[in-house]
């Protein structure tokens, strides 16, 4: 999988919106958008759940890699914190 400026821009936009309370997110929740060839997932979780969230992200990546066609998928993942919670934004374009 590769990352492009487009995919990273989408992830950054969604991460910024989540951290500015512009998405319907509460601690422990995910926000998802799915389009024809694009999947976006934004999550917010407390610091004590970091290991679980990393395992979830790894599982998601393995699923995408196992089902990928011959064309490489584009992927970006960004993480930030406000001191109390972690915010993640993952974008896949197939």
PDB file of N, CA and C in Angstrom:
ATOM      1  N   UNK A   1       0.830  -1.173   0.000  1.00  0.00           N
ATOM      2  CA  UNK A   1       0.000   0.000   0.000  1.00  0.00           C
ATOM      3  C   UNK A   1       0.877   1.240   0.000  1.00  0.00           C
ATOM      4  N   UNK A   2       0.393   2.266  -0.613  1.00  0.00           N
ATOM      5  CA  UNK A   2       1.141   3.512  -0.691  1.00  0.00           C
ATOM      6  C   UNK A   2       0.296   4.658  -0.147  1.00  0.00           C
ATOM      7  N   UNK A   3       0.964   5.727   0.237  1.00  0.00           N
ATOM      8  CA  UNK A   3       0.274   6.937   0.687  1.00  0.00           C
ATOM      9  C   UNK A   3       0.568   8.051  -0.300  1.00  0.00           C
ATOM     10  N   UNK A   4      -0.437   8.826  -0.606  1.00  0.00           N
ATOM     11  CA  UNK A   4      -0.254   9.980  -1.476  1.00  0.00           C
ATOM     12  C   UNK A   4      -0.686  11.222  -0.708  1.00  0.00           C
ATOM     13  N   UNK A   5      -0.368  12.376  -1.260  1.00  0.00           N
ATOM     14  CA  UNK A   5      -0.768  13.634  -0.622  1.00  0.00           C
ATOM     15  C   UNK A   5      -2.291  13.714  -0.499  1.00  0.00           C
ATOM     16  N   UNK A   6      -3.006  13.176  -1.491  1.00  0.00           N
ATOM     17  CA  UNK A   6      -4.472  13.197  -1.443  1.00  0.00           C
ATOM     18  C   UNK A   6      -5.001  12.415  -0.245  1.00  0.00           C
ATOM     19  N   UNK A   7      -4.503  11.196  -0.059  1.00  0.00           N
ATOM     20  CA  UNK A   7      -4.975  10.344   1.032  1.00  0.00           C
ATOM     21  C   UNK A   7      -4.574  10.938   2.380  1.00  0.00           C
ATOM     22  N   UNK A   8      -3.349  11.434   2.476  1.00  0.00           N
ATOM     23  CA  UNK A   8      -2.906  12.046   3.725  1.00  0.00           C
ATOM     24  C   UNK A   8      -3.708  13.308   4.031  1.00  0.00           C
ATOM     25  N   UNK A   9      -4.086  14.058   2.997  1.00  0.00           N
ATOM     26  CA  UNK A   9      -4.910  15.249   3.192  1.00  0.00           C
ATOM     27  C   UNK A   9      -6.292  14.915   3.729  1.00  0.00           C
ATOM     28  N   UNK A  10      -6.883  13.846   3.211  1.00  0.00           N
ATOM     29  CA  UNK A  10      -8.194  13.402   3.693  1.00  0.00           C
ATOM     30  C   UNK A  10      -8.091  12.991   5.161  1.00  0.00           C
ATOM     31  N   UNK A  11      -7.059  12.224   5.496  1.00  0.00           N
ATOM     32  CA  UNK A  11      -6.874  11.792   6.883  1.00  0.00           C
ATOM     33  C   UNK A  11      -6.665  12.991   7.803  1.00  0.00           C
ATOM     34  N   UNK A  12      -5.831  13.942   7.388  1.00  0.00           N
ATOM     35  CA  UNK A  12      -5.560  15.131   8.213  1.00  0.00           C
ATOM     36  C   UNK A  12      -6.824  15.944   8.422  1.00  0.00           C
ATOM     37  N   UNK A  13      -7.611  16.124   7.372  1.00  0.00           N
ATOM     38  CA  UNK A  13      -8.864  16.872   7.488  1.00  0.00           C
ATOM     39  C   UNK A  13      -9.796  16.225   8.507  1.00  0.00           C
ATOM     40  N   UNK A  14      -9.961  14.910   8.425  1.00  0.00           N
ATOM     41  CA  UNK A  14     -10.856  14.212   9.347  1.00  0.00           C
ATOM     42  C   UNK A  14     -10.302  14.209  10.771  1.00  0.00           C
ATOM     43  N   UNK A  15      -9.001  14.073  10.927  1.00  0.00           N
ATOM     44  CA  UNK A  15      -8.404  14.117  12.261  1.00  0.00           C
ATOM     45  C   UNK A  15      -8.611  15.498  12.889  1.00  0.00           C
ATOM     46  N   UNK A  16      -8.362  16.543  12.122  1.00  0.00           N
ATOM     47  CA  UNK A  16      -8.568  17.908  12.625  1.00  0.00           C
ATOM     48  C   UNK A  16     -10.029  18.136  13.007  1.00  0.00           C
ATOM     49  N   UNK A  17     -10.941  17.677  12.167  1.00  0.00           N
ATOM     50  CA  UNK A  17     -12.370  17.841  12.465  1.00  0.00           C
ATOM     51  C   UNK A  17     -12.762  17.103  13.736  1.00  0.00           C
ATOM     52  N   UNK A  18     -12.215  15.915  13.938  1.00  0.00           N
ATOM     53  CA  UNK A  18     -12.517  15.152  15.156  1.00  0.00           C
ATOM     54  C   UNK A  18     -11.999  15.876  16.394  1.00  0.00           C
ATOM     55  N   UNK A  19     -10.781  16.377  16.314  1.00  0.00           N
ATOM     56  CA  UNK A  19     -10.189  17.041  17.473  1.00  0.00           C
ATOM     57  C   UNK A  19     -10.843  18.390  17.764  1.00  0.00           C
ATOM     58  N   UNK A  20     -11.502  18.971  16.776  1.00  0.00           N
ATOM     59  CA  UNK A  20     -12.221  20.237  16.965  1.00  0.00           C
ATOM     60  C   UNK A  20     -13.708  20.015  17.248  1.00  0.00           C
ATOM     61  N   UNK A  21     -14.074  18.769  17.578  1.00  0.00           N
ATOM     62  CA  UNK A  21     -15.466  18.411  17.887  1.00  0.00           C
ATOM     63  C   UNK A  21     -16.424  18.709  16.741  1.00  0.00           C
ATOM     64  N   UNK A  22     -15.954  18.545  15.513  1.00  0.00           N
ATOM     65  CA  UNK A  22     -16.796  18.769  14.344  1.00  0.00           C
ATOM     66  C   UNK A  22     -17.377  17.469  13.786  1.00  0.00           C
ATOM     67  N   UNK A  23     -17.028  16.338  14.395  1.00  0.00           N
ATOM     68  CA  UNK A  23     -17.583  15.044  14.007  1.00  0.00           C
ATOM     69  C   UNK A  23     -18.343  14.481  15.202  1.00  0.00           C
ATOM     70  N   UNK A  24     -19.391  13.690  14.959  1.00  0.00           N
ATOM     71  CA  UNK A  24     -20.175  13.128  16.067  1.00  0.00           C
ATOM     72  C   UNK A  24     -19.426  11.982  16.756  1.00  0.00           C
ATOM     73  N   UNK A  25     -18.437  12.344  17.563  1.00  0.00           N
ATOM     74  CA  UNK A  25     -17.594  11.357  18.238  1.00  0.00           C
ATOM     75  C   UNK A  25     -17.584  11.595  19.743  1.00  0.00           C
ATOM     76  N   UNK A  26     -17.639  10.508  20.481  1.00  0.00           N
ATOM     77  CA  UNK A  26     -17.444  10.532  21.921  1.00  0.00           C
ATOM     78  C   UNK A  26     -16.402   9.479  22.251  1.00  0.00           C
ATOM     79  N   UNK A  27     -15.801   9.570  23.416  1.00  0.00           N
ATOM     80  CA  UNK A  27     -14.766   8.611  23.815  1.00  0.00           C
ATOM     81  C   UNK A  27     -15.253   7.180  23.604  1.00  0.00           C
ATOM     82  N   UNK A  28     -14.414   6.384  22.960  1.00  0.00           N
ATOM     83  CA  UNK A  28     -14.734   4.990  22.704  1.00  0.00           C
ATOM     84  C   UNK A  28     -15.537   4.756  21.434  1.00  0.00           C
ATOM     85  N   UNK A  29     -15.754   5.798  20.646  1.00  0.00           N
ATOM     86  CA  UNK A  29     -16.564   5.676  19.433  1.00  0.00           C
ATOM     87  C   UNK A  29     -15.718   5.790  18.173  1.00  0.00           C
ATOM     88  N   UNK A  30     -16.311   5.329  17.085  1.00  0.00           N
ATOM     89  CA  UNK A  30     -15.725   5.495  15.755  1.00  0.00           C
ATOM     90  C   UNK A  30     -16.733   6.191  14.855  1.00  0.00           C
ATOM     91  N   UNK A  31     -16.211   6.917  13.889  1.00  0.00           N
ATOM     92  CA  UNK A  31     -17.019   7.580  12.868  1.00  0.00           C
ATOM     93  C   UNK A  31     -16.517   7.052  11.536  1.00  0.00           C
ATOM     94  N   UNK A  32     -17.421   6.588  10.691  1.00  0.00           N
ATOM     95  CA  UNK A  32     -17.022   5.986   9.420  1.00  0.00           C
ATOM     96  C   UNK A  32     -17.753   6.617   8.250  1.00  0.00           C
ATOM     97  N   UNK A  33     -17.032   6.749   7.149  1.00  0.00           N
ATOM     98  CA  UNK A  33     -17.605   7.169   5.872  1.00  0.00           C
ATOM     99  C   UNK A  33     -17.111   6.181   4.824  1.00  0.00           C
ATOM    100  N   UNK A  34     -18.019   5.668   4.026  1.00  0.00           N
ATOM    101  CA  UNK A  34     -17.653   4.749   2.954  1.00  0.00           C
ATOM    102  C   UNK A  34     -18.236   5.244   1.643  1.00  0.00           C
ATOM    103  N   UNK A  35     -17.392   5.303   0.639  1.00  0.00           N
ATOM    104  CA  UNK A  35     -17.780   5.711  -0.705  1.00  0.00           C
ATOM    105  C   UNK A  35     -17.400   4.586  -1.655  1.00  0.00           C
ATOM    106  N   UNK A  36     -17.584   4.793  -2.951  1.00  0.00           N
ATOM    107  CA  UNK A  36     -17.304   3.748  -3.936  1.00  0.00           C
ATOM    108  C   UNK A  36     -15.944   3.100  -3.727  1.00  0.00           C
ATOM    109  N   UNK A  37     -14.898   3.891  -3.663  1.00  0.00           N
ATOM    110  CA  UNK A  37     -13.555   3.317  -3.549  1.00  0.00           C
ATOM    111  C   UNK A  37     -12.778   3.876  -2.366  1.00  0.00           C
ATOM    112  N   UNK A  38     -13.466   4.567  -1.458  1.00  0.00           N
ATOM    113  CA  UNK A  38     -12.794   5.195  -0.327  1.00  0.00           C
ATOM    114  C   UNK A  38     -13.471   4.797   0.974  1.00  0.00           C
ATOM    115  N   UNK A  39     -12.660   4.474   1.965  1.00  0.00           N
ATOM    116  CA  UNK A  39     -13.157   4.155   3.298  1.00  0.00           C
ATOM    117  C   UNK A  39     -12.406   5.014   4.307  1.00  0.00           C
ATOM    118  N   UNK A  40     -13.155   5.706   5.171  1.00  0.00           N
ATOM    119  CA  UNK A  40     -12.570   6.594   6.170  1.00  0.00           C
ATOM    120  C   UNK A  40     -13.077   6.165   7.541  1.00  0.00           C
ATOM    121  N   UNK A  41     -12.169   6.033   8.495  1.00  0.00           N
ATOM    122  CA  UNK A  41     -12.540   5.683   9.861  1.00  0.00           C
ATOM    123  C   UNK A  41     -11.800   6.600  10.824  1.00  0.00           C
ATOM    124  N   UNK A  42     -12.554   7.232  11.713  1.00  0.00           N
ATOM    125  CA  UNK A  42     -11.977   8.113  12.724  1.00  0.00           C
ATOM    126  C   UNK A  42     -12.424   7.583  14.081  1.00  0.00           C
ATOM    127  N   UNK A  43     -11.485   7.457  15.022  1.00  0.00           N
ATOM    128  CA  UNK A  43     -11.794   6.939  16.353  1.00  0.00           C
ATOM    129  C   UNK A  43     -11.233   7.850  17.424  1.00  0.00           C
ATOM    130  N   UNK A  44     -11.876   7.825  18.579  1.00  0.00           N
ATOM    131  CA  UNK A  44     -11.357   8.514  19.758  1.00  0.00           C
ATOM    132  C   UNK A  44     -11.434   7.528  20.919  1.00  0.00           C
ATOM    133  N   UNK A  45     -10.328   7.410  21.649  1.00  0.00           N
ATOM    134  CA  UNK A  45     -10.283   6.438  22.733  1.00  0.00           C
ATOM    135  C   UNK A  45      -9.314   6.901  23.812  1.00  0.00           C
ATOM    136  N   UNK A  46      -9.539   6.458  25.062  1.00  0.00           N
ATOM    137  CA  UNK A  46      -8.648   6.848  26.153  1.00  0.00           C
ATOM    138  C   UNK A  46      -7.286   6.176  26.017  1.00  0.00           C
ATOM    139  N   UNK A  47      -6.297   6.785  26.626  1.00  0.00           N
ATOM    140  CA  UNK A  47      -4.925   6.287  26.498  1.00  0.00           C
ATOM    141  C   UNK A  47      -4.778   4.840  26.946  1.00  0.00           C
ATOM    142  N   UNK A  48      -5.563   4.391  27.921  1.00  0.00           N
ATOM    143  CA  UNK A  48      -5.414   3.009  28.400  1.00  0.00           C
ATOM    144  C   UNK A  48      -5.871   1.975  27.374  1.00  0.00           C
ATOM    145  N   UNK A  49      -6.543   2.392  26.311  1.00  0.00           N
ATOM    146  CA  UNK A  49      -6.995   1.458  25.273  1.00  0.00           C
ATOM    147  C   UNK A  49      -6.064   1.399  24.073  1.00  0.00           C
ATOM    148  N   UNK A  50      -4.884   1.987  24.155  1.00  0.00           N
ATOM    149  CA  UNK A  50      -3.994   2.082  22.996  1.00  0.00           C
ATOM    150  C   UNK A  50      -3.625   0.710  22.432  1.00  0.00           C
ATOM    151  N   UNK A  51      -3.335  -0.263  23.276  1.00  0.00           N
ATOM    152  CA  UNK A  51      -2.946  -1.586  22.779  1.00  0.00           C
ATOM    153  C   UNK A  51      -4.078  -2.235  21.982  1.00  0.00           C
ATOM    154  N   UNK A  52      -5.293  -2.124  22.470  1.00  0.00           N
ATOM    155  CA  UNK A  52      -6.447  -2.681  21.761  1.00  0.00           C
ATOM    156  C   UNK A  52      -6.627  -2.000  20.409  1.00  0.00           C
ATOM    157  N   UNK A  53      -6.513  -0.683  20.378  1.00  0.00           N
ATOM    158  CA  UNK A  53      -6.704   0.059  19.132  1.00  0.00           C
ATOM    159  C   UNK A  53      -5.622  -0.266  18.105  1.00  0.00           C
ATOM    160  N   UNK A  54      -4.389  -0.448  18.557  1.00  0.00           N
ATOM    161  CA  UNK A  54      -3.306  -0.841  17.645  1.00  0.00           C
ATOM    162  C   UNK A  54      -3.602  -2.215  17.052  1.00  0.00           C
ATOM    163  N   UNK A  55      -4.062  -3.143  17.875  1.00  0.00           N
ATOM    164  CA  UNK A  55      -4.404  -4.482  17.388  1.00  0.00           C
ATOM    165  C   UNK A  55      -5.541  -4.413  16.372  1.00  0.00           C
ATOM    166  N   UNK A  56      -6.538  -3.551  16.618  1.00  0.00           N
ATOM    167  CA  UNK A  56      -7.646  -3.384  15.675  1.00  0.00           C
ATOM    168  C   UNK A  56      -7.148  -2.849  14.337  1.00  0.00           C
ATOM    169  N   UNK A  57      -6.261  -1.860  14.386  1.00  0.00           N
ATOM    170  CA  UNK A  57      -5.719  -1.278  13.152  1.00  0.00           C
ATOM    171  C   UNK A  57      -4.916  -2.313  12.374  1.00  0.00           C
ATOM    172  N   UNK A  58      -4.111  -3.112  13.073  1.00  0.00           N
ATOM    173  CA  UNK A  58      -3.329  -4.155  12.403  1.00  0.00           C
ATOM    174  C   UNK A  58      -4.249  -5.175  11.740  1.00  0.00           C
ATOM    175  N   UNK A  59      -5.313  -5.542  12.420  1.00  0.00           N
ATOM    176  CA  UNK A  59      -6.267  -6.495  11.862  1.00  0.00           C
ATOM    177  C   UNK A  59      -6.936  -5.927  10.613  1.00  0.00           C
ATOM    178  N   UNK A  60      -7.292  -4.645  10.656  1.00  0.00           N
ATOM    179  CA  UNK A  60      -7.915  -4.003   9.500  1.00  0.00           C
ATOM    180  C   UNK A  60      -6.954  -3.983   8.318  1.00  0.00           C
ATOM    181  N   UNK A  61      -5.696  -3.651   8.568  1.00  0.00           N
ATOM    182  CA  UNK A  61      -4.697  -3.615   7.499  1.00  0.00           C
ATOM    183  C   UNK A  61      -4.486  -4.991   6.884  1.00  0.00           C
ATOM    184  N   UNK A  62      -4.426  -6.026   7.713  1.00  0.00           N
ATOM    185  CA  UNK A  62      -4.251  -7.380   7.193  1.00  0.00           C
ATOM    186  C   UNK A  62      -5.425  -7.773   6.310  1.00  0.00           C
ATOM    187  N   UNK A  63      -6.634  -7.402   6.711  1.00  0.00           N
ATOM    188  CA  UNK A  63      -7.810  -7.702   5.908  1.00  0.00           C
ATOM    189  C   UNK A  63      -7.766  -7.017   4.562  1.00  0.00           C
ATOM    190  N   UNK A  64      -7.336  -5.770   4.546  1.00  0.00           N
ATOM    191  CA  UNK A  64      -7.228  -5.031   3.285  1.00  0.00           C
ATOM    192  C   UNK A  64      -6.148  -5.637   2.404  1.00  0.00           C
ATOM    193  N   UNK A  65      -4.996  -5.963   2.988  1.00  0.00           N
ATOM    194  CA  UNK A  65      -3.905  -6.548   2.205  1.00  0.00           C
ATOM    195  C   UNK A  65      -4.298  -7.898   1.631  1.00  0.00           C
ATOM    196  N   UNK A  66      -5.030  -8.697   2.387  1.00  0.00           N
ATOM    197  CA  UNK A  66      -5.430 -10.024   1.922  1.00  0.00           C
ATOM    198  C   UNK A  66      -6.472  -9.966   0.812  1.00  0.00           C
ATOM    199  N   UNK A  67      -7.259  -8.902   0.777  1.00  0.00           N
ATOM    200  CA  UNK A  67      -8.306  -8.814  -0.242  1.00  0.00           C
ATOM    201  C   UNK A  67      -7.947  -7.851  -1.370  1.00  0.00           C
ATOM    202  N   UNK A  68      -6.744  -7.310  -1.346  1.00  0.00           N
ATOM    203  CA  UNK A  68      -6.343  -6.314  -2.347  1.00  0.00           C
ATOM    204  C   UNK A  68      -6.197  -6.946  -3.725  1.00  0.00           C
ATOM    205  N   UNK A  69      -6.561  -6.167  -4.725  1.00  0.00           N
ATOM    206  CA  UNK A  69      -6.375  -6.607  -6.100  1.00  0.00           C
ATOM    207  C   UNK A  69      -4.917  -6.392  -6.484  1.00  0.00           C
ATOM    208  N   UNK A  70      -4.622  -6.544  -7.769  1.00  0.00           N
ATOM    209  CA  UNK A  70      -3.242  -6.364  -8.218  1.00  0.00           C
ATOM    210  C   UNK A  70      -2.804  -4.904  -8.141  1.00  0.00           C
ATOM    211  N   UNK A  71      -3.776  -3.976  -8.108  1.00  0.00           N
ATOM    212  CA  UNK A  71      -3.426  -2.566  -7.971  1.00  0.00           C
ATOM    213  C   UNK A  71      -3.205  -2.239  -6.495  1.00  0.00           C
ATOM    214  N   UNK A  72      -2.166  -1.497  -6.198  1.00  0.00           N
ATOM    215  CA  UNK A  72      -1.922  -1.174  -4.788  1.00  0.00           C
ATOM    216  C   UNK A  72      -2.978  -0.212  -4.257  1.00  0.00           C
ATOM    217  N   UNK A  73      -3.404  -0.458  -3.042  1.00  0.00           N
ATOM    218  CA  UNK A  73      -4.327   0.455  -2.379  1.00  0.00           C
ATOM    219  C   UNK A  73      -3.532   1.619  -1.807  1.00  0.00           C
ATOM    220  N   UNK A  74      -4.186   2.751  -1.678  1.00  0.00           N
ATOM    221  CA  UNK A  74      -3.568   3.894  -1.021  1.00  0.00           C
ATOM    222  C   UNK A  74      -4.085   3.930   0.414  1.00  0.00           C
ATOM    223  N   UNK A  75      -3.215   4.258   1.351  1.00  0.00           N
ATOM    224  CA  UNK A  75      -3.570   4.203   2.759  1.00  0.00           C
ATOM    225  C   UNK A  75      -2.853   5.299   3.519  1.00  0.00           C
ATOM    226  N   UNK A  76      -3.545   5.878   4.483  1.00  0.00           N
ATOM    227  CA  UNK A  76      -2.912   6.824   5.391  1.00  0.00           C
ATOM    228  C   UNK A  76      -3.526   6.653   6.768  1.00  0.00           C
ATOM    229  N   UNK A  77      -2.707   6.732   7.794  1.00  0.00           N
ATOM    230  CA  UNK A  77      -3.179   6.688   9.181  1.00  0.00           C
ATOM    231  C   UNK A  77      -2.467   7.781   9.954  1.00  0.00           C
ATOM    232  N   UNK A  78      -3.244   8.575  10.649  1.00  0.00           N
ATOM    233  CA  UNK A  78      -2.691   9.641  11.473  1.00  0.00           C
ATOM    234  C   UNK A  78      -3.207   9.484  12.895  1.00  0.00           C
ATOM    235  N   UNK A  79      -2.374   9.848  13.859  1.00  0.00           N
ATOM    236  CA  UNK A  79      -2.732   9.757  15.273  1.00  0.00           C
ATOM    237  C   UNK A  79      -2.349  11.063  15.948  1.00  0.00           C
ATOM    238  N   UNK A  80      -3.201  11.517  16.853  1.00  0.00           N
ATOM    239  CA  UNK A  80      -2.899  12.703  17.653  1.00  0.00           C
ATOM    240  C   UNK A  80      -3.562  12.523  19.015  1.00  0.00           C
ATOM    241  N   UNK A  81      -3.194  13.357  19.968  1.00  0.00           N
ATOM    242  CA  UNK A  81      -3.780  13.279  21.303  1.00  0.00           C
ATOM    243  C   UNK A  81      -4.062  14.670  21.829  1.00  0.00           C
ATOM    244  N   UNK A  82      -5.074  14.752  22.684  1.00  0.00           N
ATOM    245  CA  UNK A  82      -5.364  16.001  23.375  1.00  0.00           C
ATOM    246  C   UNK A  82      -4.936  15.915  24.837  1.00  0.00           C
ATOM    247  N   UNK A  83      -4.184  14.882  25.174  1.00  0.00           N
ATOM    248  CA  UNK A  83      -3.719  14.666  26.534  1.00  0.00           C
ATOM    249  C   UNK A  83      -4.580  13.679  27.303  1.00  0.00           C
ATOM    250  N   UNK A  84      -5.860  13.605  26.982  1.00  0.00           N
ATOM    251  CA  UNK A  84      -6.768  12.664  27.631  1.00  0.00           C
ATOM    252  C   UNK A  84      -7.108  11.488  26.730  1.00  0.00           C
ATOM    253  N   UNK A  85      -7.260  11.764  25.454  1.00  0.00           N
ATOM    254  CA  UNK A  85      -7.661  10.750  24.485  1.00  0.00           C
ATOM    255  C   UNK A  85      -6.739  10.765  23.280  1.00  0.00           C
ATOM    256  N   UNK A  86      -6.702   9.612  22.611  1.00  0.00           N
ATOM    257  CA  UNK A  86      -6.045   9.518  21.311  1.00  0.00           C
ATOM    258  C   UNK A  86      -7.115   9.612  20.236  1.00  0.00           C
ATOM    259  N   UNK A  87      -6.748  10.212  19.128  1.00  0.00           N
ATOM    260  CA  UNK A  87      -7.608  10.315  17.956  1.00  0.00           C
ATOM    261  C   UNK A  87      -6.865   9.665  16.796  1.00  0.00           C
ATOM    262  N   UNK A  88      -7.556   8.825  16.046  1.00  0.00           N
ATOM    263  CA  UNK A  88      -6.953   8.214  14.864  1.00  0.00           C
ATOM    264  C   UNK A  88      -7.835   8.484  13.652  1.00  0.00           C
ATOM    265  N   UNK A  89      -7.191   8.647  12.520  1.00  0.00           N
ATOM    266  CA  UNK A  89      -7.901   8.767  11.247  1.00  0.00           C
ATOM    267  C   UNK A  89      -7.212   7.834  10.263  1.00  0.00           C
ATOM    268  N   UNK A  90      -7.972   6.894   9.704  1.00  0.00           N
ATOM    269  CA  UNK A  90      -7.436   5.967   8.711  1.00  0.00           C
ATOM    270  C   UNK A  90      -8.248   6.100   7.433  1.00  0.00           C
ATOM    271  N   UNK A  91      -7.539   6.191   6.324  1.00  0.00           N
ATOM    272  CA  UNK A  91      -8.175   6.335   5.018  1.00  0.00           C
ATOM    273  C   UNK A  91      -7.608   5.282   4.076  1.00  0.00           C
ATOM    274  N   UNK A  92      -8.499   4.566   3.405  1.00  0.00           N
ATOM    275  CA  UNK A  92      -8.124   3.598   2.379  1.00  0.00           C
ATOM    276  C   UNK A  92      -8.772   4.030   1.076  1.00  0.00           C
ATOM    277  N   UNK A  93      -8.010   4.036  -0.001  1.00  0.00           N
ATOM    278  CA  UNK A  93      -8.571   4.220  -1.338  1.00  0.00           C
ATOM    279  C   UNK A  93      -8.162   2.999  -2.151  1.00  0.00           C
ATOM    280  N   UNK A  94      -9.150   2.295  -2.668  1.00  0.00           N
ATOM    281  CA  UNK A  94      -8.908   1.048  -3.392  1.00  0.00           C
ATOM    282  C   UNK A  94      -8.902   1.273  -4.880  1.00  0.00           C
TER     283      UNK A  94
END
